[in-house]
Amino acid sequence: MITEGEIWLVNFPFEENPNQFLPRPVIVLNVDLPQILSTKVTKHDPRATDRYDTPIQYWKEANLKYPSTARVSKTVPLKLSNFIHFIGRANFNDLLKIQEMYTEFFFKHM
């Protein structure tokens, strides 16, 4: 069972074409089947143009291969069938910061 705070490799949909996918890690923010709210993770630094990009401080402990950033503005609901394999678990403080940023993003942009 997938739970909040876990990091998974998933088939993540392209913005331009949601029928195309790229394998990439996500942090699970909420599980409300059939939807699993998931935040895209990248090895790139936070972008100055997106205040919601959140550095993952404890990336090694989360079993990520590189210093990573949660792209909070790229949070999407995914289906269970998108999930490929478990990677690790986000540190509590990282998860809390990402959830706070998502809440702020959601109320300003939705």
N, C-alpha and C. Protein backbone atom coordinates (compact mmCIF):
# COMPACT_ATOMS: atom_id res chain seq x y z
N MET A 1 0.84 -1.19 0.00
CA MET A 1 0.00 0.00 0.00
C MET A 1 0.88 1.25 0.00
N ILE A 2 0.55 2.18 -0.83
CA ILE A 2 1.28 3.44 -0.92
C ILE A 2 0.78 4.37 0.17
N THR A 3 1.71 5.07 0.85
CA THR A 3 1.31 5.98 1.92
C THR A 3 1.99 7.34 1.76
N GLU A 4 1.39 8.32 2.42
CA GLU A 4 1.89 9.69 2.42
C GLU A 4 3.36 9.73 2.86
N GLY A 5 4.16 10.52 2.14
CA GLY A 5 5.56 10.70 2.48
C GLY A 5 6.49 9.73 1.78
N GLU A 6 5.94 8.73 1.12
CA GLU A 6 6.80 7.79 0.39
C GLU A 6 7.27 8.41 -0.92
N ILE A 7 8.43 7.94 -1.37
CA ILE A 7 8.98 8.36 -2.65
C ILE A 7 8.97 7.15 -3.57
N TRP A 8 8.39 7.35 -4.75
CA TRP A 8 8.23 6.27 -5.72
C TRP A 8 8.73 6.71 -7.08
N LEU A 9 9.18 5.74 -7.87
CA LEU A 9 9.41 5.96 -9.29
C LEU A 9 8.07 5.71 -9.97
N VAL A 10 7.65 6.68 -10.79
CA VAL A 10 6.34 6.56 -11.46
C VAL A 10 6.47 6.91 -12.94
N ASN A 11 5.47 6.55 -13.69
CA ASN A 11 5.31 7.08 -15.04
C ASN A 11 4.60 8.41 -14.90
N PHE A 12 5.38 9.51 -15.04
CA PHE A 12 4.86 10.86 -14.82
C PHE A 12 4.43 11.45 -16.16
N PRO A 13 3.20 11.98 -16.25
CA PRO A 13 2.70 12.49 -17.53
C PRO A 13 3.37 13.80 -17.94
N PHE A 14 3.59 13.94 -19.23
CA PHE A 14 4.07 15.21 -19.79
C PHE A 14 2.95 16.24 -19.69
N GLU A 15 3.32 17.50 -19.42
CA GLU A 15 2.31 18.57 -19.39
C GLU A 15 1.68 18.75 -20.76
N GLU A 16 2.51 18.72 -21.80
CA GLU A 16 2.05 18.98 -23.16
C GLU A 16 1.15 17.87 -23.69
N ASN A 17 1.41 16.64 -23.23
CA ASN A 17 0.63 15.49 -23.70
C ASN A 17 0.51 14.49 -22.55
N PRO A 18 -0.59 14.54 -21.81
CA PRO A 18 -0.75 13.66 -20.65
C PRO A 18 -0.83 12.17 -20.98
N ASN A 19 -0.84 11.84 -22.27
CA ASN A 19 -0.84 10.43 -22.67
C ASN A 19 0.57 9.89 -22.86
N GLN A 20 1.58 10.77 -22.73
CA GLN A 20 2.98 10.36 -22.77
C GLN A 20 3.56 10.48 -21.37
N PHE A 21 4.49 9.56 -21.06
CA PHE A 21 5.02 9.50 -19.70
C PHE A 21 6.54 9.42 -19.71
N LEU A 22 7.12 9.86 -18.59
CA LEU A 22 8.55 9.75 -18.36
C LEU A 22 8.74 9.20 -16.95
N PRO A 23 9.54 8.13 -16.79
CA PRO A 23 9.79 7.63 -15.43
C PRO A 23 10.54 8.67 -14.61
N ARG A 24 10.00 8.99 -13.43
CA ARG A 24 10.67 9.94 -12.55
C ARG A 24 10.16 9.76 -11.13
N PRO A 25 10.94 10.21 -10.15
CA PRO A 25 10.50 10.08 -8.76
C PRO A 25 9.44 11.12 -8.40
N VAL A 26 8.58 10.73 -7.46
CA VAL A 26 7.59 11.63 -6.87
C VAL A 26 7.54 11.41 -5.37
N ILE A 27 7.07 12.43 -4.67
CA ILE A 27 6.75 12.30 -3.24
C ILE A 27 5.23 12.26 -3.13
N VAL A 28 4.72 11.28 -2.42
CA VAL A 28 3.28 11.12 -2.24
C VAL A 28 2.82 12.09 -1.15
N LEU A 29 1.87 12.97 -1.50
CA LEU A 29 1.33 13.92 -0.53
C LEU A 29 0.04 13.43 0.11
N ASN A 30 -0.75 12.67 -0.66
CA ASN A 30 -2.03 12.20 -0.14
C ASN A 30 -2.49 11.00 -0.96
N VAL A 31 -3.09 10.06 -0.28
CA VAL A 31 -3.65 8.89 -0.96
C VAL A 31 -5.16 8.88 -0.71
N ASP A 32 -5.91 9.05 -1.78
CA ASP A 32 -7.36 8.98 -1.74
C ASP A 32 -7.78 8.23 -3.00
N LEU A 33 -7.60 6.90 -2.95
CA LEU A 33 -7.80 6.07 -4.14
C LEU A 33 -9.14 6.35 -4.78
N PRO A 34 -9.21 6.42 -6.09
CA PRO A 34 -8.18 5.98 -7.03
C PRO A 34 -7.08 7.01 -7.33
N GLN A 35 -7.11 8.17 -6.67
CA GLN A 35 -6.12 9.21 -6.94
C GLN A 35 -5.03 9.21 -5.86
N ILE A 36 -3.78 9.41 -6.31
CA ILE A 36 -2.65 9.53 -5.39
C ILE A 36 -1.96 10.85 -5.73
N LEU A 37 -2.12 11.85 -4.85
CA LEU A 37 -1.56 13.18 -5.09
C LEU A 37 -0.04 13.10 -4.95
N SER A 38 0.67 13.45 -6.02
CA SER A 38 2.11 13.20 -6.11
C SER A 38 2.85 14.43 -6.62
N THR A 39 3.97 14.75 -5.98
CA THR A 39 4.79 15.90 -6.36
C THR A 39 6.03 15.44 -7.10
N LYS A 40 6.23 16.02 -8.27
CA LYS A 40 7.39 15.72 -9.12
C LYS A 40 8.69 16.07 -8.39
N VAL A 41 9.69 15.19 -8.52
CA VAL A 41 11.02 15.41 -7.94
C VAL A 41 12.03 15.47 -9.08
N THR A 42 12.95 16.43 -8.99
CA THR A 42 13.99 16.58 -10.01
C THR A 42 15.35 16.75 -9.34
N LYS A 43 16.41 16.41 -10.07
CA LYS A 43 17.76 16.61 -9.53
C LYS A 43 18.25 18.03 -9.77
N HIS A 44 17.47 18.84 -10.47
CA HIS A 44 17.86 20.22 -10.74
C HIS A 44 17.62 21.10 -9.52
N ASP A 45 18.39 22.19 -9.44
CA ASP A 45 18.23 23.15 -8.35
C ASP A 45 16.87 23.83 -8.45
N PRO A 46 16.40 24.39 -7.33
CA PRO A 46 15.16 25.17 -7.39
C PRO A 46 15.30 26.32 -8.39
N ARG A 47 14.23 26.59 -9.12
CA ARG A 47 14.23 27.66 -10.10
C ARG A 47 13.88 28.98 -9.43
N ALA A 48 14.61 30.02 -9.77
CA ALA A 48 14.33 31.34 -9.21
C ALA A 48 12.95 31.84 -9.64
N THR A 49 12.44 31.32 -10.74
CA THR A 49 11.15 31.76 -11.28
C THR A 49 9.96 31.02 -10.68
N ASP A 50 10.20 30.06 -9.80
CA ASP A 50 9.10 29.30 -9.20
C ASP A 50 9.33 29.18 -7.70
N ARG A 51 8.65 30.03 -6.95
CA ARG A 51 8.86 30.08 -5.50
C ARG A 51 8.42 28.79 -4.79
N TYR A 52 7.70 27.92 -5.50
CA TYR A 52 7.22 26.69 -4.89
C TYR A 52 8.20 25.53 -5.02
N ASP A 53 9.27 25.72 -5.79
CA ASP A 53 10.33 24.70 -5.85
C ASP A 53 10.96 24.60 -4.46
N THR A 54 10.97 23.40 -3.91
CA THR A 54 11.40 23.19 -2.52
C THR A 54 12.56 22.20 -2.47
N PRO A 55 13.74 22.66 -2.00
CA PRO A 55 14.87 21.73 -1.89
C PRO A 55 14.57 20.60 -0.91
N ILE A 56 15.00 19.40 -1.26
CA ILE A 56 14.86 18.25 -0.36
C ILE A 56 16.18 18.15 0.40
N GLN A 57 16.14 18.56 1.66
CA GLN A 57 17.36 18.64 2.47
C GLN A 57 17.95 17.26 2.76
N TYR A 58 17.09 16.30 3.02
CA TYR A 58 17.54 14.96 3.44
C TYR A 58 17.39 13.97 2.29
N TRP A 59 17.92 14.33 1.14
CA TRP A 59 17.75 13.52 -0.07
C TRP A 59 18.45 12.17 0.05
N LYS A 60 19.62 12.13 0.70
CA LYS A 60 20.32 10.84 0.86
C LYS A 60 19.51 9.89 1.72
N GLU A 61 18.99 10.41 2.83
CA GLU A 61 18.19 9.58 3.74
C GLU A 61 16.91 9.08 3.06
N ALA A 62 16.44 9.83 2.07
CA ALA A 62 15.23 9.45 1.33
C ALA A 62 15.54 8.46 0.21
N ASN A 63 16.81 8.08 0.09
CA ASN A 63 17.26 7.12 -0.91
C ASN A 63 17.22 7.66 -2.34
N LEU A 64 17.33 9.01 -2.46
CA LEU A 64 17.44 9.62 -3.78
C LEU A 64 18.91 9.62 -4.17
N LYS A 65 19.20 9.54 -5.45
CA LYS A 65 20.58 9.43 -5.93
C LYS A 65 21.32 10.76 -5.95
N TYR A 66 20.58 11.86 -6.04
CA TYR A 66 21.18 13.18 -6.21
C TYR A 66 20.50 14.19 -5.30
N PRO A 67 21.19 15.32 -5.01
CA PRO A 67 20.47 16.42 -4.36
C PRO A 67 19.25 16.74 -5.22
N SER A 68 18.11 16.92 -4.58
CA SER A 68 16.86 16.99 -5.33
C SER A 68 15.97 18.14 -4.89
N THR A 69 15.03 18.47 -5.76
CA THR A 69 14.06 19.53 -5.54
C THR A 69 12.66 18.98 -5.78
N ALA A 70 11.74 19.32 -4.89
CA ALA A 70 10.33 18.99 -5.10
C ALA A 70 9.71 20.13 -5.90
N ARG A 71 9.19 19.82 -7.07
CA ARG A 71 8.54 20.83 -7.91
C ARG A 71 7.06 20.87 -7.52
N VAL A 72 6.78 21.61 -6.46
CA VAL A 72 5.44 21.63 -5.87
C VAL A 72 4.38 22.09 -6.87
N SER A 73 4.75 23.00 -7.75
CA SER A 73 3.78 23.46 -8.76
C SER A 73 3.49 22.38 -9.80
N LYS A 74 4.22 21.29 -9.75
CA LYS A 74 4.02 20.15 -10.66
C LYS A 74 3.44 18.96 -9.88
N THR A 75 2.54 19.25 -8.96
CA THR A 75 1.86 18.21 -8.19
C THR A 75 0.61 17.78 -8.96
N VAL A 76 0.47 16.48 -9.15
CA VAL A 76 -0.66 15.96 -9.94
C VAL A 76 -1.24 14.71 -9.28
N PRO A 77 -2.52 14.45 -9.54
CA PRO A 77 -3.09 13.17 -9.09
C PRO A 77 -2.70 12.08 -10.08
N LEU A 78 -2.21 10.97 -9.56
CA LEU A 78 -1.82 9.83 -10.39
C LEU A 78 -2.65 8.61 -10.00
N LYS A 79 -2.70 7.66 -10.91
CA LYS A 79 -3.37 6.39 -10.65
C LYS A 79 -2.34 5.39 -10.12
N LEU A 80 -2.81 4.40 -9.41
CA LEU A 80 -1.95 3.35 -8.89
C LEU A 80 -1.15 2.69 -10.01
N SER A 81 -1.74 2.59 -11.18
CA SER A 81 -1.06 1.95 -12.31
C SER A 81 0.17 2.73 -12.80
N ASN A 82 0.30 4.02 -12.40
CA ASN A 82 1.47 4.81 -12.77
C ASN A 82 2.69 4.45 -11.92
N PHE A 83 2.49 3.83 -10.78
CA PHE A 83 3.57 3.58 -9.82
C PHE A 83 4.37 2.35 -10.22
N ILE A 84 5.71 2.53 -10.29
CA ILE A 84 6.60 1.47 -10.76
C ILE A 84 7.26 0.76 -9.59
N HIS A 85 8.02 1.52 -8.76
CA HIS A 85 8.62 0.89 -7.57
C HIS A 85 8.96 1.92 -6.50
N PHE A 86 8.99 1.42 -5.28
CA PHE A 86 9.29 2.22 -4.09
C PHE A 86 10.76 2.62 -4.09
N ILE A 87 11.04 3.88 -3.74
CA ILE A 87 12.42 4.36 -3.63
C ILE A 87 12.81 4.56 -2.17
N GLY A 88 11.98 5.28 -1.42
CA GLY A 88 12.32 5.59 -0.03
C GLY A 88 11.21 6.39 0.63
N ARG A 89 11.59 7.04 1.72
CA ARG A 89 10.61 7.82 2.49
C ARG A 89 11.19 9.19 2.76
N ALA A 90 10.39 10.23 2.56
CA ALA A 90 10.83 11.61 2.82
C ALA A 90 11.00 11.83 4.31
N ASN A 91 12.00 12.61 4.67
CA ASN A 91 12.19 13.05 6.04
C ASN A 91 10.96 13.87 6.46
N PHE A 92 10.59 13.76 7.73
CA PHE A 92 9.41 14.46 8.22
C PHE A 92 9.46 15.95 7.93
N ASN A 93 10.61 16.60 8.18
CA ASN A 93 10.72 18.04 7.97
C ASN A 93 10.61 18.41 6.49
N ASP A 94 11.22 17.61 5.62
CA ASP A 94 11.08 17.85 4.18
C ASP A 94 9.62 17.71 3.76
N LEU A 95 8.97 16.66 4.21
CA LEU A 95 7.57 16.43 3.84
C LEU A 95 6.68 17.57 4.33
N LEU A 96 6.90 18.01 5.55
CA LEU A 96 6.10 19.10 6.12
C LEU A 96 6.25 20.37 5.29
N LYS A 97 7.47 20.70 4.91
CA LYS A 97 7.72 21.90 4.10
C LYS A 97 7.04 21.78 2.73
N ILE A 98 7.15 20.62 2.11
CA ILE A 98 6.52 20.40 0.80
C ILE A 98 5.00 20.51 0.92
N GLN A 99 4.43 19.93 1.97
CA GLN A 99 2.98 20.02 2.17
C GLN A 99 2.53 21.46 2.40
N GLU A 100 3.31 22.21 3.17
CA GLU A 100 2.99 23.63 3.41
C GLU A 100 3.02 24.42 2.10
N MET A 101 4.05 24.17 1.29
CA MET A 101 4.16 24.87 0.01
C MET A 101 3.02 24.47 -0.92
N TYR A 102 2.62 23.21 -0.89
CA TYR A 102 1.52 22.77 -1.75
C TYR A 102 0.21 23.44 -1.31
N THR A 103 -0.02 23.52 -0.02
CA THR A 103 -1.24 24.17 0.48
C THR A 103 -1.29 25.62 0.02
N GLU A 104 -0.17 26.32 0.14
CA GLU A 104 -0.10 27.71 -0.31
C GLU A 104 -0.35 27.79 -1.82
N PHE A 105 0.32 26.93 -2.58
CA PHE A 105 0.14 26.92 -4.03
C PHE A 105 -1.31 26.64 -4.40
N PHE A 106 -1.90 25.65 -3.77
CA PHE A 106 -3.27 25.25 -4.08
C PHE A 106 -4.25 26.41 -3.88
N PHE A 107 -4.14 27.10 -2.75
CA PHE A 107 -5.09 28.16 -2.46
C PHE A 107 -4.86 29.41 -3.30
N LYS A 108 -3.66 29.58 -3.84
CA LYS A 108 -3.39 30.74 -4.70
C LYS A 108 -3.68 30.48 -6.17
N HIS A 109 -3.66 29.22 -6.58
CA HIS A 109 -3.75 28.92 -8.01
C HIS A 109 -4.92 28.04 -8.41
N MET A 110 -5.67 27.53 -7.50
CA MET A 110 -6.76 26.62 -7.87
C MET A 110 -8.11 27.31 -7.73
